Amino acid sequence: MTYKNRKRLALFVLVIGLPVYIVFAVTIMSNMMTDAIRLPLWIELVVYVALGIGWAFPLKWVFKGIGQPDPEPRDRN
């Protein structure tokens, strides 16, 4: 995948994908937290932390090197 396409994909993930994931994670957590079945606080914390950082590991390859200049600059002439 070219640098330009990876940059576009990273932007798409941050602008569209991450908000969708947040809504998904909040929905999952709100369904788990009913009044009849309440998880212990430490389990809730572990789940929140896992959901909070869990999205980044599969997408690490997309964001790696995005802040650097293009490694293969193209000649415009």
C-alpha atoms as a PDB file:
ATOM      1  CA  MET A   1       0.000   0.000   0.000  1.00  0.00           C
ATOM      2  CA  THR A   2       1.373   3.382  -0.932  1.00  0.00           C
ATOM      3  CA  TYR A   3       2.098   6.071   1.606  1.00  0.00           C
ATOM      4  CA  LYS A   4      -0.667   8.275   0.237  1.00  0.00           C
ATOM      5  CA  ASN A   5      -3.258   5.493   0.483  1.00  0.00           C
ATOM      6  CA  ARG A   6      -2.166   4.623   4.021  1.00  0.00           C
ATOM      7  CA  LYS A   7      -2.509   8.270   4.978  1.00  0.00           C
ATOM      8  CA  ARG A   8      -6.041   8.359   3.570  1.00  0.00           C
ATOM      9  CA  LEU A   9      -6.924   5.114   5.338  1.00  0.00           C
ATOM     10  CA  ALA A  10      -5.594   6.465   8.646  1.00  0.00           C
ATOM     11  CA  LEU A  11      -7.703   9.587   8.252  1.00  0.00           C
ATOM     12  CA  PHE A  12     -10.768   7.485   7.427  1.00  0.00           C
ATOM     13  CA  VAL A  13     -10.187   5.294  10.483  1.00  0.00           C
ATOM     14  CA  LEU A  14      -9.867   8.310  12.774  1.00  0.00           C
ATOM     15  CA  VAL A  15     -12.772  10.321  11.365  1.00  0.00           C
ATOM     16  CA  ILE A  16     -15.294   7.579  10.570  1.00  0.00           C
ATOM     17  CA  GLY A  17     -14.129   4.294  12.097  1.00  0.00           C
ATOM     18  CA  LEU A  18     -13.235   5.464  15.596  1.00  0.00           C
ATOM     19  CA  PRO A  19     -16.578   7.207  16.290  1.00  0.00           C
ATOM     20  CA  VAL A  20     -18.420   4.116  15.042  1.00  0.00           C
ATOM     21  CA  TYR A  21     -16.279   1.955  17.328  1.00  0.00           C
ATOM     22  CA  ILE A  22     -16.963   4.269  20.282  1.00  0.00           C
ATOM     23  CA  VAL A  23     -20.719   3.965  19.745  1.00  0.00           C
ATOM     24  CA  PHE A  24     -20.323   0.187  19.514  1.00  0.00           C
ATOM     25  CA  ALA A  25     -18.241   0.027  22.722  1.00  0.00           C
ATOM     26  CA  VAL A  26     -20.641   2.258  24.665  1.00  0.00           C
ATOM     27  CA  THR A  27     -23.586   0.167  23.491  1.00  0.00           C
ATOM     28  CA  ILE A  28     -21.871  -3.034  24.607  1.00  0.00           C
ATOM     29  CA  MET A  29     -21.035  -1.568  28.008  1.00  0.00           C
ATOM     30  CA  SER A  30     -24.501  -0.120  28.560  1.00  0.00           C
ATOM     31  CA  ASN A  31     -26.075  -3.492  27.756  1.00  0.00           C
ATOM     32  CA  MET A  32     -23.748  -5.162  30.254  1.00  0.00           C
ATOM     33  CA  MET A  33     -24.608  -2.711  33.019  1.00  0.00           C
ATOM     34  CA  THR A  34     -28.235  -3.478  33.726  1.00  0.00           C
ATOM     35  CA  ASP A  35     -29.575  -3.048  37.251  1.00  0.00           C
ATOM     36  CA  ALA A  36     -30.228  -6.772  37.618  1.00  0.00           C
ATOM     37  CA  ILE A  37     -26.696  -7.803  36.619  1.00  0.00           C
ATOM     38  CA  ARG A  38     -23.945  -5.438  37.708  1.00  0.00           C
ATOM     39  CA  LEU A  39     -20.301  -6.383  37.204  1.00  0.00           C
ATOM     40  CA  PRO A  40     -17.747  -5.600  39.897  1.00  0.00           C
ATOM     41  CA  LEU A  41     -16.007  -2.271  39.446  1.00  0.00           C
ATOM     42  CA  TRP A  42     -12.584  -3.787  38.723  1.00  0.00           C
ATOM     43  CA  ILE A  43     -14.020  -5.918  35.902  1.00  0.00           C
ATOM     44  CA  GLU A  44     -15.695  -2.845  34.419  1.00  0.00           C
ATOM     45  CA  LEU A  45     -12.369  -1.026  34.544  1.00  0.00           C
ATOM     46  CA  VAL A  46     -10.576  -3.878  32.776  1.00  0.00           C
ATOM     47  CA  VAL A  47     -13.247  -3.988  30.054  1.00  0.00           C
ATOM     48  CA  TYR A  48     -13.102  -0.206  29.546  1.00  0.00           C
ATOM     49  CA  VAL A  49      -9.299  -0.269  29.296  1.00  0.00           C
ATOM     50  CA  ALA A  50      -9.397  -3.209  26.881  1.00  0.00           C
ATOM     51  CA  LEU A  51     -11.980  -1.479  24.686  1.00  0.00           C
ATOM     52  CA  GLY A  52     -10.054   1.784  24.905  1.00  0.00           C
ATOM     53  CA  ILE A  53      -6.753   0.464  23.623  1.00  0.00           C
ATOM     54  CA  GLY A  54      -7.944  -2.641  21.842  1.00  0.00           C
ATOM     55  CA  TRP A  55      -8.825  -0.827  18.619  1.00  0.00           C
ATOM     56  CA  ALA A  56      -5.295   0.460  18.119  1.00  0.00           C
ATOM     57  CA  PHE A  57      -3.352  -2.801  18.006  1.00  0.00           C
ATOM     58  CA  PRO A  58      -4.982  -4.287  14.882  1.00  0.00           C
ATOM     59  CA  LEU A  59      -4.614  -0.933  13.098  1.00  0.00           C
ATOM     60  CA  LYS A  60      -1.042  -0.207  14.178  1.00  0.00           C
ATOM     61  CA  TRP A  61       0.297  -0.852  10.669  1.00  0.00           C
ATOM     62  CA  VAL A  62      -1.941   1.899   9.269  1.00  0.00           C
ATOM     63  CA  PHE A  63      -0.609   4.608  11.568  1.00  0.00           C
ATOM     64  CA  LYS A  64       3.052   3.578  11.575  1.00  0.00           C
ATOM     65  CA  GLY A  65       5.129   6.270   9.854  1.00  0.00           C
ATOM     66  CA  ILE A  66       2.209   8.499   8.863  1.00  0.00           C
ATOM     67  CA  GLY A  67       3.709  11.547  10.588  1.00  0.00           C
ATOM     68  CA  GLN A  68       6.977  11.196   8.672  1.00  0.00           C
ATOM     69  CA  PRO A  69       7.647  12.646   5.211  1.00  0.00           C
ATOM     70  CA  ASP A  70       6.850  10.453   2.226  1.00  0.00           C
ATOM     71  CA  PRO A  71       9.634   7.841   2.013  1.00  0.00           C
ATOM     72  CA  GLU A  72       9.375   7.715  -1.790  1.00  0.00           C
ATOM     73  CA  PRO A  73       8.785  11.281  -2.957  1.00  0.00           C
ATOM     74  CA  ARG A  74       7.637  11.457  -6.534  1.00  0.00           C
ATOM     75  CA  ASP A  75       9.150  13.859  -9.037  1.00  0.00           C
ATOM     76  CA  ARG A  76       6.556  16.283 -10.364  1.00  0.00           C
ATOM     77  CA  ASN A  77       8.566  17.104 -13.505  1.00  0.00           C
END
